[in-house]
């Protein structure tokens, strides 16, 4: 999977589906061998990471409009080549340009 230096978002209103999508993305990006292993590196939110020193970020839930500073930092990390994958319910139109969106139909099997 090629990284486009954007925030990768798994878009789904269902939390369990978002988590399985993020697990699959972690496997496809080479951070884990199996979806079960990927579950070990996924955290609840980006606030569970040290955003100043992280090498990757896999968060199950985040609201892109919650904190402009945090969203800006996530985009900064993604722009420098760090894998930033978050699960969201929906993408606000103002944030679409910094996101690479994946929907449930992008995955043949979860």
Protein backbone atom coordinates (compact mmCIF):
# COMPACT_ATOMS: atom_id res chain seq x y z
CA UNK A 1 0.00 0.00 0.00
CA UNK A 2 1.41 3.38 -1.01
CA UNK A 3 1.27 6.20 1.52
CA UNK A 4 0.19 9.58 0.10
CA UNK A 5 1.29 11.68 3.11
CA UNK A 6 -2.26 12.36 4.23
CA UNK A 7 -4.22 11.31 7.29
CA UNK A 8 -5.69 7.92 6.50
CA UNK A 9 -9.23 7.68 7.81
CA UNK A 10 -11.48 4.65 8.18
CA UNK A 11 -14.99 6.05 7.77
CA UNK A 12 -17.91 4.19 9.29
CA UNK A 13 -20.60 4.98 11.88
CA UNK A 14 -20.07 1.52 13.43
CA UNK A 15 -17.16 1.40 15.91
CA UNK A 16 -16.49 -2.33 15.48
CA UNK A 17 -16.36 -1.97 11.70
CA UNK A 18 -13.95 0.97 11.98
CA UNK A 19 -11.69 -1.09 14.21
CA UNK A 20 -11.62 -4.01 11.78
CA UNK A 21 -10.89 -1.60 8.92
CA UNK A 22 -7.97 -0.10 10.85
CA UNK A 23 -6.65 -3.59 11.63
CA UNK A 24 -6.74 -4.45 7.93
CA UNK A 25 -4.97 -1.18 7.04
CA UNK A 26 -2.25 -1.90 9.62
CA UNK A 27 -1.67 -5.30 8.01
CA UNK A 28 -1.69 -3.84 4.49
CA UNK A 29 0.82 -1.15 5.52
CA UNK A 30 3.17 -3.73 7.01
CA UNK A 31 2.85 -2.84 10.68
CA UNK A 32 1.42 -6.25 11.60
CA UNK A 33 1.30 -9.77 10.17
CA UNK A 34 -2.31 -10.55 11.13
CA UNK A 35 -5.36 -8.48 12.13
CA UNK A 36 -5.03 -9.95 15.64
CA UNK A 37 -1.50 -8.60 15.92
CA UNK A 38 -2.67 -5.24 14.58
CA UNK A 39 -5.12 -4.98 17.48
CA UNK A 40 -2.14 -4.74 19.84
CA UNK A 41 -0.92 -1.47 18.34
CA UNK A 42 -4.29 0.25 17.91
CA UNK A 43 -5.17 2.69 20.68
CA UNK A 44 -8.48 4.31 21.62
CA UNK A 45 -7.64 7.85 20.47
CA UNK A 46 -4.69 9.94 19.22
CA UNK A 47 -4.44 11.43 22.71
CA UNK A 48 -3.11 8.05 23.90
CA UNK A 49 0.07 8.65 21.87
CA UNK A 50 2.95 10.99 22.53
CA UNK A 51 2.42 13.12 19.42
CA UNK A 52 5.88 14.65 19.68
CA UNK A 53 7.75 11.32 19.50
CA UNK A 54 5.53 8.70 17.84
CA UNK A 55 6.65 6.68 14.81
CA UNK A 56 3.13 5.64 13.81
CA UNK A 57 -0.41 6.31 15.00
CA UNK A 58 -3.37 3.94 14.80
CA UNK A 59 -6.41 5.27 16.68
CA UNK A 60 -9.86 3.76 16.65
CA UNK A 61 -11.89 6.92 17.24
CA UNK A 62 -11.28 10.59 16.52
CA UNK A 63 -13.37 13.63 15.61
CA UNK A 64 -11.46 15.77 13.12
CA UNK A 65 -13.25 18.93 14.31
CA UNK A 66 -12.65 18.27 18.01
CA UNK A 67 -9.28 20.00 18.22
CA UNK A 68 -7.82 21.99 15.36
CA UNK A 69 -4.36 21.89 16.97
CA UNK A 70 -4.38 18.10 17.30
CA UNK A 71 -5.71 17.64 13.77
CA UNK A 72 -2.98 19.98 12.53
CA UNK A 73 -0.35 17.94 14.36
CA UNK A 74 -1.75 14.71 12.88
CA UNK A 75 -1.52 16.21 9.40
CA UNK A 76 2.01 17.42 10.12
CA UNK A 77 3.00 13.88 11.15
CA UNK A 78 1.37 12.42 8.03
CA UNK A 79 3.04 14.98 5.78
CA UNK A 80 6.46 13.95 7.09
CA UNK A 81 5.79 10.32 6.19
CA UNK A 82 4.57 8.91 9.49
CA UNK A 83 1.62 6.53 9.22
CA UNK A 84 -1.42 8.24 10.77
CA UNK A 85 -4.58 6.11 10.66
CA UNK A 86 -7.71 7.15 12.56
CA UNK A 87 -11.29 5.95 12.62
CA UNK A 88 -13.99 8.57 12.12
CA UNK A 89 -17.78 8.59 11.82
CA UNK A 90 -17.66 11.10 8.97
CA UNK A 91 -15.24 13.49 7.32
CA UNK A 92 -16.13 17.19 7.52
CA UNK A 93 -16.01 18.84 4.09
CA UNK A 94 -13.38 21.31 5.29
CA UNK A 95 -11.02 18.42 6.18
CA UNK A 96 -11.37 16.31 3.03
CA UNK A 97 -8.21 17.70 1.42
CA UNK A 98 -5.95 16.39 4.22
CA UNK A 99 -7.54 12.92 4.35
CA UNK A 100 -7.29 9.72 2.38
CA UNK A 101 -10.62 8.02 3.06
CA UNK A 102 -11.35 4.30 3.22
CA UNK A 103 -14.93 3.07 3.43
CA UNK A 104 -16.25 -0.44 4.20
CA UNK A 105 -16.79 -1.13 0.49
CA UNK A 106 -13.02 -0.65 -0.11
CA UNK A 107 -12.38 -3.92 1.72
CA UNK A 108 -13.43 -7.19 0.14
CA UNK A 109 -13.26 -8.98 3.48
CA UNK A 110 -12.73 -7.71 7.01
